[in-house]
Each structure stands twice: as structure tokens, then as C-alpha cells.
N, C-alpha and C. Protein backbone atom coordinates (compact mmCIF):
# COMPACT_ATOMS: atom_id res chain seq x y z
N MET A 1 -9.29 -18.77 5.51
CA MET A 1 -9.25 -18.80 4.06
C MET A 1 -9.93 -17.55 3.53
N HIS A 2 -9.48 -17.12 2.41
CA HIS A 2 -9.95 -15.87 1.84
C HIS A 2 -10.61 -16.13 0.49
N GLY A 3 -11.75 -16.76 0.49
CA GLY A 3 -12.44 -17.04 -0.76
C GLY A 3 -11.83 -18.24 -1.45
N THR A 4 -12.37 -18.55 -2.59
CA THR A 4 -11.88 -19.66 -3.38
C THR A 4 -11.24 -19.13 -4.64
N PRO A 5 -9.95 -19.39 -4.84
CA PRO A 5 -9.30 -18.89 -6.05
C PRO A 5 -9.73 -19.70 -7.27
N LEU A 6 -9.55 -19.12 -8.41
CA LEU A 6 -9.77 -19.88 -9.64
C LEU A 6 -8.74 -21.00 -9.71
N PRO A 7 -9.05 -22.10 -10.38
CA PRO A 7 -8.10 -23.22 -10.47
C PRO A 7 -6.90 -22.85 -11.34
N ALA A 8 -5.87 -23.67 -11.25
CA ALA A 8 -4.65 -23.45 -12.04
C ALA A 8 -4.95 -23.47 -13.54
N HIS A 9 -5.77 -24.38 -13.97
CA HIS A 9 -6.14 -24.48 -15.38
C HIS A 9 -7.48 -23.78 -15.58
N LEU A 10 -7.45 -22.67 -16.30
CA LEU A 10 -8.64 -21.85 -16.48
C LEU A 10 -9.51 -22.35 -17.62
N ALA A 11 -10.81 -22.18 -17.49
CA ALA A 11 -11.74 -22.51 -18.56
C ALA A 11 -11.64 -21.48 -19.67
N GLY A 12 -12.12 -21.83 -20.83
CA GLY A 12 -12.13 -20.88 -21.94
C GLY A 12 -11.00 -21.14 -22.92
N PRO A 13 -10.83 -20.19 -23.86
CA PRO A 13 -9.78 -20.37 -24.86
C PRO A 13 -8.40 -20.42 -24.21
N PRO A 14 -7.46 -21.10 -24.84
CA PRO A 14 -6.12 -21.18 -24.27
C PRO A 14 -5.46 -19.81 -24.17
N LEU A 15 -4.64 -19.64 -23.15
CA LEU A 15 -3.90 -18.40 -22.97
C LEU A 15 -2.71 -18.37 -23.93
N SER A 16 -2.34 -17.18 -24.38
CA SER A 16 -1.11 -17.03 -25.14
C SER A 16 0.06 -17.32 -24.20
N ASP A 17 1.25 -17.54 -24.75
CA ASP A 17 2.40 -17.79 -23.88
C ASP A 17 2.62 -16.63 -22.91
N ARG A 18 2.56 -15.40 -23.41
CA ARG A 18 2.74 -14.24 -22.51
C ARG A 18 1.70 -14.23 -21.39
N GLU A 19 0.44 -14.49 -21.73
CA GLU A 19 -0.62 -14.52 -20.71
C GLU A 19 -0.38 -15.67 -19.72
N ALA A 20 0.04 -16.82 -20.23
CA ALA A 20 0.26 -17.99 -19.36
C ALA A 20 1.45 -17.78 -18.43
N ILE A 21 2.47 -17.08 -18.89
CA ILE A 21 3.63 -16.78 -18.04
C ILE A 21 3.21 -15.79 -16.95
N ALA A 22 2.48 -14.76 -17.32
CA ALA A 22 1.96 -13.81 -16.32
C ALA A 22 1.08 -14.55 -15.34
N ASP A 23 0.26 -15.49 -15.82
CA ASP A 23 -0.63 -16.25 -14.95
C ASP A 23 0.15 -17.07 -13.93
N ALA A 24 1.33 -17.58 -14.30
CA ALA A 24 2.16 -18.31 -13.33
C ALA A 24 2.55 -17.38 -12.18
N CYS A 25 2.87 -16.13 -12.49
CA CYS A 25 3.20 -15.15 -11.44
C CYS A 25 1.98 -14.88 -10.58
N TYR A 26 0.84 -14.65 -11.21
CA TYR A 26 -0.38 -14.39 -10.45
C TYR A 26 -0.75 -15.58 -9.57
N ARG A 27 -0.60 -16.81 -10.10
CA ARG A 27 -0.92 -18.01 -9.30
C ARG A 27 -0.03 -18.10 -8.06
N ALA A 28 1.26 -17.79 -8.23
CA ALA A 28 2.20 -17.89 -7.10
C ALA A 28 1.76 -16.98 -5.95
N PHE A 29 1.41 -15.74 -6.26
CA PHE A 29 1.05 -14.80 -5.20
C PHE A 29 -0.39 -14.99 -4.72
N ALA A 30 -1.30 -15.37 -5.62
CA ALA A 30 -2.67 -15.66 -5.19
C ALA A 30 -2.70 -16.86 -4.25
N SER A 31 -1.75 -17.78 -4.42
CA SER A 31 -1.71 -18.95 -3.54
C SER A 31 -1.51 -18.55 -2.08
N ILE A 32 -0.77 -17.47 -1.84
CA ILE A 32 -0.55 -16.99 -0.48
C ILE A 32 -1.84 -16.34 0.04
N ASP A 33 -2.39 -15.44 -0.77
CA ASP A 33 -3.59 -14.71 -0.35
C ASP A 33 -4.77 -15.63 -0.09
N HIS A 34 -4.88 -16.72 -0.85
CA HIS A 34 -6.00 -17.66 -0.73
C HIS A 34 -5.65 -18.91 0.07
N VAL A 35 -4.41 -18.99 0.56
CA VAL A 35 -3.93 -20.15 1.31
C VAL A 35 -4.22 -21.43 0.52
N ASP A 36 -3.68 -21.47 -0.71
CA ASP A 36 -3.94 -22.58 -1.62
C ASP A 36 -2.60 -23.18 -2.08
N LYS A 37 -2.18 -24.22 -1.38
CA LYS A 37 -0.89 -24.87 -1.65
C LYS A 37 -0.82 -25.41 -3.08
N GLU A 38 -1.90 -26.00 -3.56
CA GLU A 38 -1.89 -26.57 -4.90
C GLU A 38 -1.70 -25.48 -5.96
N LEU A 39 -2.24 -24.30 -5.71
CA LEU A 39 -2.05 -23.20 -6.65
C LEU A 39 -0.57 -22.80 -6.70
N LEU A 40 0.08 -22.77 -5.53
CA LEU A 40 1.52 -22.49 -5.53
C LEU A 40 2.27 -23.55 -6.31
N LEU A 41 2.00 -24.82 -6.03
CA LEU A 41 2.74 -25.89 -6.70
C LEU A 41 2.49 -25.91 -8.20
N SER A 42 1.36 -25.37 -8.65
CA SER A 42 1.10 -25.28 -10.09
C SER A 42 1.90 -24.16 -10.74
N SER A 43 2.45 -23.26 -9.93
CA SER A 43 3.09 -22.06 -10.47
C SER A 43 4.61 -22.12 -10.47
N VAL A 44 5.21 -23.09 -9.77
CA VAL A 44 6.66 -23.18 -9.68
C VAL A 44 7.13 -24.58 -10.07
N THR A 45 8.40 -24.66 -10.49
CA THR A 45 8.99 -25.96 -10.78
C THR A 45 9.41 -26.62 -9.46
N PRO A 46 9.54 -27.94 -9.45
CA PRO A 46 9.99 -28.61 -8.21
C PRO A 46 11.36 -28.10 -7.74
N ASP A 47 12.21 -27.67 -8.69
CA ASP A 47 13.55 -27.20 -8.34
C ASP A 47 13.67 -25.67 -8.36
N VAL A 48 12.57 -24.98 -8.16
CA VAL A 48 12.57 -23.52 -8.20
C VAL A 48 13.63 -22.95 -7.24
N HIS A 49 14.29 -21.90 -7.67
CA HIS A 49 15.24 -21.17 -6.81
C HIS A 49 14.64 -19.80 -6.55
N THR A 50 14.50 -19.45 -5.26
CA THR A 50 13.95 -18.14 -4.93
C THR A 50 14.88 -17.39 -3.99
N ASP A 51 14.89 -16.08 -4.18
CA ASP A 51 15.58 -15.15 -3.28
C ASP A 51 14.59 -14.01 -3.08
N ILE A 52 13.72 -14.17 -2.09
CA ILE A 52 12.63 -13.23 -1.84
C ILE A 52 12.84 -12.61 -0.46
N ALA A 53 13.00 -11.30 -0.44
CA ALA A 53 13.25 -10.59 0.82
C ALA A 53 14.44 -11.19 1.56
N ASN A 54 15.47 -11.55 0.80
CA ASN A 54 16.71 -12.12 1.34
C ASN A 54 16.54 -13.47 2.00
N LYS A 55 15.45 -14.17 1.68
CA LYS A 55 15.28 -15.56 2.11
C LYS A 55 15.47 -16.43 0.88
N ILE A 56 16.54 -17.19 0.89
CA ILE A 56 16.89 -18.03 -0.26
C ILE A 56 16.34 -19.43 -0.04
N CYS A 57 15.67 -19.95 -1.08
CA CYS A 57 15.12 -21.30 -1.03
C CYS A 57 15.53 -22.05 -2.29
N HIS A 58 15.85 -23.32 -2.11
CA HIS A 58 16.19 -24.21 -3.22
C HIS A 58 15.14 -25.30 -3.29
N GLY A 59 14.20 -25.15 -4.18
CA GLY A 59 13.18 -26.17 -4.37
C GLY A 59 11.84 -25.76 -3.78
N ALA A 60 10.79 -26.33 -4.37
CA ALA A 60 9.43 -26.01 -3.95
C ALA A 60 9.16 -26.41 -2.50
N ASP A 61 9.71 -27.54 -2.07
CA ASP A 61 9.49 -27.98 -0.68
C ASP A 61 10.06 -26.98 0.31
N GLU A 62 11.27 -26.48 0.03
CA GLU A 62 11.88 -25.50 0.93
C GLU A 62 11.13 -24.17 0.88
N LEU A 63 10.66 -23.78 -0.29
CA LEU A 63 9.86 -22.57 -0.41
C LEU A 63 8.59 -22.68 0.44
N LEU A 64 7.96 -23.84 0.40
CA LEU A 64 6.75 -24.07 1.20
C LEU A 64 7.05 -23.94 2.70
N THR A 65 8.11 -24.57 3.17
CA THR A 65 8.36 -24.60 4.61
C THR A 65 9.00 -23.32 5.14
N LYS A 66 9.88 -22.68 4.35
CA LYS A 66 10.59 -21.50 4.86
C LYS A 66 9.81 -20.20 4.67
N VAL A 67 8.96 -20.14 3.66
CA VAL A 67 8.28 -18.88 3.35
C VAL A 67 6.77 -19.04 3.34
N TRP A 68 6.26 -19.88 2.45
CA TRP A 68 4.83 -19.94 2.18
C TRP A 68 4.02 -20.31 3.43
N ASP A 69 4.42 -21.38 4.14
CA ASP A 69 3.67 -21.80 5.33
C ASP A 69 3.59 -20.67 6.36
N ASN A 70 4.71 -20.00 6.60
CA ASN A 70 4.75 -18.94 7.60
C ASN A 70 3.83 -17.79 7.23
N VAL A 71 3.92 -17.34 5.98
CA VAL A 71 3.12 -16.18 5.58
C VAL A 71 1.65 -16.55 5.40
N SER A 72 1.36 -17.60 4.65
CA SER A 72 -0.03 -17.90 4.32
C SER A 72 -0.85 -18.34 5.53
N HIS A 73 -0.25 -19.00 6.50
CA HIS A 73 -1.00 -19.52 7.64
C HIS A 73 -1.00 -18.58 8.85
N HIS A 74 -0.15 -17.57 8.85
CA HIS A 74 -0.03 -16.71 10.03
C HIS A 74 -0.39 -15.26 9.77
N LEU A 75 -0.66 -14.91 8.53
CA LEU A 75 -0.97 -13.52 8.20
C LEU A 75 -2.14 -13.46 7.21
N ASP A 76 -2.87 -12.36 7.27
CA ASP A 76 -3.80 -12.02 6.20
C ASP A 76 -2.98 -11.20 5.20
N THR A 77 -3.08 -11.53 3.92
CA THR A 77 -2.27 -10.84 2.91
C THR A 77 -3.09 -10.48 1.68
N VAL A 78 -2.62 -9.46 1.00
CA VAL A 78 -3.09 -9.12 -0.34
C VAL A 78 -1.85 -8.70 -1.11
N HIS A 79 -1.64 -9.32 -2.27
CA HIS A 79 -0.50 -8.99 -3.13
C HIS A 79 -1.02 -8.40 -4.44
N TYR A 80 -0.40 -7.31 -4.85
CA TYR A 80 -0.73 -6.66 -6.12
C TYR A 80 0.48 -6.75 -7.04
N LEU A 81 0.30 -7.26 -8.24
CA LEU A 81 1.37 -7.33 -9.23
C LEU A 81 1.02 -6.40 -10.38
N THR A 82 2.00 -5.61 -10.83
CA THR A 82 1.74 -4.65 -11.90
C THR A 82 3.02 -4.42 -12.71
N ASN A 83 2.88 -3.66 -13.77
CA ASN A 83 4.02 -3.34 -14.66
C ASN A 83 4.73 -4.60 -15.13
N MET A 84 3.95 -5.65 -15.43
CA MET A 84 4.52 -6.92 -15.84
C MET A 84 4.99 -6.85 -17.29
N ARG A 85 6.21 -7.33 -17.50
CA ARG A 85 6.77 -7.43 -18.85
C ARG A 85 7.31 -8.83 -19.02
N VAL A 86 6.96 -9.45 -20.14
CA VAL A 86 7.32 -10.85 -20.39
C VAL A 86 8.09 -10.95 -21.69
N SER A 87 9.24 -11.63 -21.64
CA SER A 87 10.02 -11.94 -22.83
C SER A 87 10.00 -13.45 -23.03
N VAL A 88 9.34 -13.90 -24.08
CA VAL A 88 9.31 -15.33 -24.42
C VAL A 88 10.55 -15.57 -25.26
N ASP A 89 11.58 -16.15 -24.65
CA ASP A 89 12.89 -16.29 -25.31
C ASP A 89 12.96 -17.48 -26.25
N THR A 90 12.36 -18.59 -25.86
CA THR A 90 12.27 -19.77 -26.73
C THR A 90 10.87 -20.36 -26.51
N ALA A 91 10.60 -21.48 -27.16
CA ALA A 91 9.28 -22.11 -27.00
C ALA A 91 9.05 -22.61 -25.58
N THR A 92 10.12 -22.76 -24.78
CA THR A 92 9.97 -23.31 -23.43
C THR A 92 10.67 -22.48 -22.35
N THR A 93 11.22 -21.32 -22.69
CA THR A 93 11.87 -20.49 -21.67
C THR A 93 11.45 -19.03 -21.83
N ALA A 94 11.39 -18.34 -20.70
CA ALA A 94 10.97 -16.94 -20.72
C ALA A 94 11.53 -16.21 -19.50
N ARG A 95 11.50 -14.89 -19.59
CA ARG A 95 11.87 -14.03 -18.47
C ARG A 95 10.71 -13.08 -18.22
N VAL A 96 10.52 -12.71 -16.97
CA VAL A 96 9.43 -11.80 -16.62
C VAL A 96 9.89 -10.88 -15.49
N THR A 97 9.49 -9.63 -15.59
CA THR A 97 9.73 -8.66 -14.52
C THR A 97 8.40 -8.02 -14.15
N PHE A 98 8.27 -7.62 -12.88
CA PHE A 98 7.06 -6.93 -12.45
C PHE A 98 7.33 -6.24 -11.13
N ALA A 99 6.47 -5.30 -10.81
CA ALA A 99 6.50 -4.65 -9.50
C ALA A 99 5.42 -5.31 -8.65
N ALA A 100 5.69 -5.44 -7.35
CA ALA A 100 4.72 -6.05 -6.45
C ALA A 100 4.59 -5.21 -5.19
N MET A 101 3.36 -5.08 -4.74
CA MET A 101 3.09 -4.45 -3.46
C MET A 101 2.38 -5.50 -2.62
N ALA A 102 2.90 -5.71 -1.42
CA ALA A 102 2.35 -6.74 -0.55
C ALA A 102 1.88 -6.11 0.76
N MET A 103 0.65 -6.40 1.11
CA MET A 103 0.06 -5.94 2.37
C MET A 103 -0.02 -7.16 3.28
N HIS A 104 0.62 -7.08 4.45
CA HIS A 104 0.62 -8.17 5.42
C HIS A 104 -0.03 -7.67 6.70
N CYS A 105 -0.85 -8.49 7.31
CA CYS A 105 -1.54 -8.08 8.53
C CYS A 105 -1.69 -9.29 9.44
N ARG A 106 -1.57 -9.05 10.75
CA ARG A 106 -1.82 -10.12 11.70
C ARG A 106 -3.24 -10.65 11.47
N LEU A 107 -3.39 -11.95 11.57
CA LEU A 107 -4.69 -12.59 11.32
C LEU A 107 -5.81 -11.90 12.09
N GLY A 108 -6.84 -11.49 11.35
CA GLY A 108 -8.02 -10.91 11.95
C GLY A 108 -7.86 -9.51 12.52
N LYS A 109 -6.72 -8.88 12.30
CA LYS A 109 -6.46 -7.56 12.89
C LYS A 109 -6.46 -6.44 11.85
N GLY A 110 -6.97 -6.70 10.67
CA GLY A 110 -6.89 -5.75 9.57
C GLY A 110 -7.55 -4.41 9.81
N TYR A 111 -8.60 -4.38 10.59
CA TYR A 111 -9.32 -3.13 10.82
C TYR A 111 -8.94 -2.47 12.15
N GLU A 112 -8.04 -3.10 12.89
CA GLU A 112 -7.64 -2.53 14.17
C GLU A 112 -6.46 -1.58 13.98
N PRO A 113 -6.46 -0.45 14.67
CA PRO A 113 -5.31 0.45 14.60
C PRO A 113 -4.13 -0.15 15.36
N GLY A 114 -2.97 0.39 15.13
CA GLY A 114 -1.80 -0.07 15.85
C GLY A 114 -0.85 -0.86 14.99
N PRO A 115 0.06 -1.55 15.64
CA PRO A 115 1.16 -2.20 14.92
C PRO A 115 0.79 -3.58 14.37
N ASN A 116 -0.22 -3.64 13.54
CA ASN A 116 -0.69 -4.92 13.03
C ASN A 116 -0.36 -5.17 11.57
N LYS A 117 0.28 -4.19 10.92
CA LYS A 117 0.46 -4.30 9.47
C LYS A 117 1.90 -4.04 9.06
N PHE A 118 2.28 -4.66 7.94
CA PHE A 118 3.56 -4.39 7.30
C PHE A 118 3.34 -4.49 5.80
N SER A 119 3.70 -3.43 5.09
CA SER A 119 3.56 -3.38 3.63
C SER A 119 4.93 -3.27 3.00
N THR A 120 5.08 -3.86 1.83
CA THR A 120 6.35 -3.78 1.11
C THR A 120 6.12 -3.50 -0.37
N GLY A 121 7.14 -2.93 -0.99
CA GLY A 121 7.16 -2.74 -2.43
C GLY A 121 8.43 -3.37 -2.97
N ALA A 122 8.31 -4.13 -4.04
CA ALA A 122 9.47 -4.85 -4.58
C ALA A 122 9.40 -4.92 -6.10
N ILE A 123 10.57 -5.09 -6.69
CA ILE A 123 10.70 -5.38 -8.12
C ILE A 123 11.17 -6.83 -8.22
N TYR A 124 10.49 -7.61 -9.05
CA TYR A 124 10.82 -9.02 -9.23
C TYR A 124 11.40 -9.28 -10.61
N ASN A 125 12.40 -10.14 -10.64
CA ASN A 125 12.95 -10.70 -11.88
C ASN A 125 12.79 -12.21 -11.78
N CYS A 126 12.18 -12.81 -12.79
CA CYS A 126 11.91 -14.24 -12.74
C CYS A 126 12.27 -14.91 -14.07
N ASP A 127 12.59 -16.19 -13.97
CA ASP A 127 12.73 -17.04 -15.15
C ASP A 127 11.59 -18.04 -15.12
N ALA A 128 11.04 -18.33 -16.29
CA ALA A 128 9.94 -19.28 -16.39
C ALA A 128 10.28 -20.34 -17.42
N VAL A 129 9.74 -21.53 -17.23
CA VAL A 129 9.91 -22.63 -18.17
C VAL A 129 8.56 -23.28 -18.40
N LYS A 130 8.42 -23.89 -19.57
CA LYS A 130 7.19 -24.60 -19.91
C LYS A 130 7.44 -26.09 -19.68
N LEU A 131 6.72 -26.66 -18.71
CA LEU A 131 6.83 -28.08 -18.37
C LEU A 131 5.46 -28.72 -18.54
N ASP A 132 5.40 -29.81 -19.28
CA ASP A 132 4.13 -30.50 -19.50
C ASP A 132 3.05 -29.53 -19.95
N ASP A 133 3.43 -28.62 -20.83
CA ASP A 133 2.52 -27.66 -21.45
C ASP A 133 1.98 -26.60 -20.47
N VAL A 134 2.65 -26.44 -19.31
CA VAL A 134 2.24 -25.43 -18.32
C VAL A 134 3.45 -24.56 -18.00
N TRP A 135 3.28 -23.24 -18.07
CA TRP A 135 4.35 -22.32 -17.70
C TRP A 135 4.46 -22.25 -16.18
N ARG A 136 5.71 -22.37 -15.69
CA ARG A 136 5.99 -22.33 -14.26
C ARG A 136 7.23 -21.48 -14.01
N LEU A 137 7.32 -20.93 -12.82
CA LEU A 137 8.48 -20.13 -12.45
C LEU A 137 9.60 -21.05 -11.98
N LYS A 138 10.78 -20.83 -12.53
CA LYS A 138 11.97 -21.62 -12.17
C LYS A 138 12.89 -20.82 -11.25
N MET A 139 12.83 -19.50 -11.35
CA MET A 139 13.66 -18.63 -10.52
C MET A 139 12.88 -17.36 -10.23
N MET A 140 12.93 -16.93 -8.97
CA MET A 140 12.28 -15.69 -8.55
C MET A 140 13.26 -14.92 -7.66
N LYS A 141 13.53 -13.68 -8.02
CA LYS A 141 14.40 -12.83 -7.20
C LYS A 141 13.72 -11.50 -6.99
N SER A 142 13.65 -11.08 -5.73
CA SER A 142 13.03 -9.80 -5.42
C SER A 142 14.08 -8.78 -4.99
N ASN A 143 13.81 -7.54 -5.32
CA ASN A 143 14.57 -6.42 -4.80
C ASN A 143 13.56 -5.56 -4.07
N HIS A 144 13.49 -5.72 -2.75
CA HIS A 144 12.54 -4.94 -1.95
C HIS A 144 13.08 -3.53 -1.81
N VAL A 145 12.30 -2.55 -2.25
CA VAL A 145 12.77 -1.17 -2.27
C VAL A 145 12.16 -0.32 -1.15
N TRP A 146 11.10 -0.80 -0.53
CA TRP A 146 10.54 -0.08 0.61
C TRP A 146 9.70 -1.00 1.48
N GLY A 147 9.54 -0.57 2.72
CA GLY A 147 8.68 -1.25 3.67
C GLY A 147 8.08 -0.22 4.61
N ASP A 148 6.88 -0.49 5.10
CA ASP A 148 6.21 0.44 5.99
C ASP A 148 5.41 -0.35 7.02
N GLY A 149 5.53 0.01 8.28
CA GLY A 149 4.79 -0.67 9.33
C GLY A 149 5.71 -1.47 10.21
N ASP A 150 5.17 -2.51 10.82
CA ASP A 150 5.88 -3.32 11.80
C ASP A 150 6.41 -4.60 11.15
N PRO A 151 7.71 -4.64 10.82
CA PRO A 151 8.25 -5.83 10.15
C PRO A 151 8.26 -7.08 11.01
N SER A 152 8.09 -6.95 12.33
CA SER A 152 8.13 -8.14 13.19
C SER A 152 6.97 -9.09 12.89
N ILE A 153 5.89 -8.59 12.29
CA ILE A 153 4.77 -9.50 12.00
C ILE A 153 5.15 -10.56 10.97
N MET A 154 6.20 -10.31 10.19
CA MET A 154 6.63 -11.28 9.18
C MET A 154 7.19 -12.55 9.82
N ALA A 155 7.59 -12.46 11.07
CA ALA A 155 8.10 -13.63 11.79
C ALA A 155 6.97 -14.44 12.40
N GLY A 156 5.73 -14.00 12.18
CA GLY A 156 4.58 -14.72 12.72
C GLY A 156 4.36 -14.46 14.19
N GLU A 157 4.98 -13.40 14.70
CA GLU A 157 4.82 -13.07 16.12
C GLU A 157 3.41 -12.56 16.35
N SER A 158 2.86 -12.93 17.50
CA SER A 158 1.52 -12.42 17.84
C SER A 158 1.66 -11.17 18.70
N GLN A 159 0.66 -10.33 18.64
CA GLN A 159 0.63 -9.10 19.42
C GLN A 159 -0.59 -9.17 20.32
N GLU A 160 -0.39 -9.17 21.62
CA GLU A 160 -1.52 -9.20 22.54
C GLU A 160 -2.20 -7.85 22.57
N SER A 161 -3.52 -7.83 22.61
CA SER A 161 -4.28 -6.57 22.66
C SER A 161 -4.54 -6.18 24.08
């Protein structure tokens, strides 16, 4: 585990819709870095559709088993989200785009030289909806534009030293 993330519902004044939509994106990626399943489930709808790095998932359960479990439990990660733009289209629907850089590393091998890392850069397009007064992602699509390092680590393969 990598520290304790802040909870899904933050203390303090309420977030604006734009801030809350951005927070849904941050929660989704922080859930991987902090290995926090509840944080992920707070950020997506049960019927979320994702197409991330050409892995298509229909629903939160499939996202957990096909992507999240593999990455969060088998790799050390840090995700950076930037250039976020949010369009609040109605009181309960929105669109968001952002750039993401993801650093993936074999567990515990971050400071070792060699083929232990894989980094990617992607542009995301997402749809968000407000359910029970919480903004969640309903659709996430990535366009990965670059990668650097050893992509085999994404399959959870171990490398003997």
C-alpha cells in the first residue's frame, strides 16, 4: 500500500460541479496508486464503459477484474493527470478531457536499474453523470500516444534478478 488516500467525500465546503467532476477522475486513478478499491467504486458508475489501452470493459466489476486488480496489486504506480477540461452539459451530465502520464514499475523495483519500468502518455475522453449527488465516470476512453520501457510488466510478469 502506498499511504492512505483521502476519502471519496472530502471535508470542507462543497466542491463545484467542475471540481467534483475532476475529483471523480482523480479518485479513479488515485485508487490504483493507493490500492483502494472503494475509492475506485466511488468514482465510476456500476455500468461504466471503459476502453483503456485497448482493454474494453463493460461495468465496474469487469473493470476491477480485467484492469484494476492486475495493475494495483502487481505494480507500483504513480498517475499524473493534467490539462483537465470539464464541460457541465446538464445538471447531471458532463464531459471531461485530460492528459495522463502513468509510471508503472514492478513491485519494489523502483530504484533498481534495468527493465523494471513502463511509462505511458495518454489523452482521455470521459463522460460523467451525477448519481445520488456524487459525480461519477460513466465512460472512459484513452488514446495512448506514447510508451517507454518494458511493456511486458503490464501483464504482471515477474523479472528474476
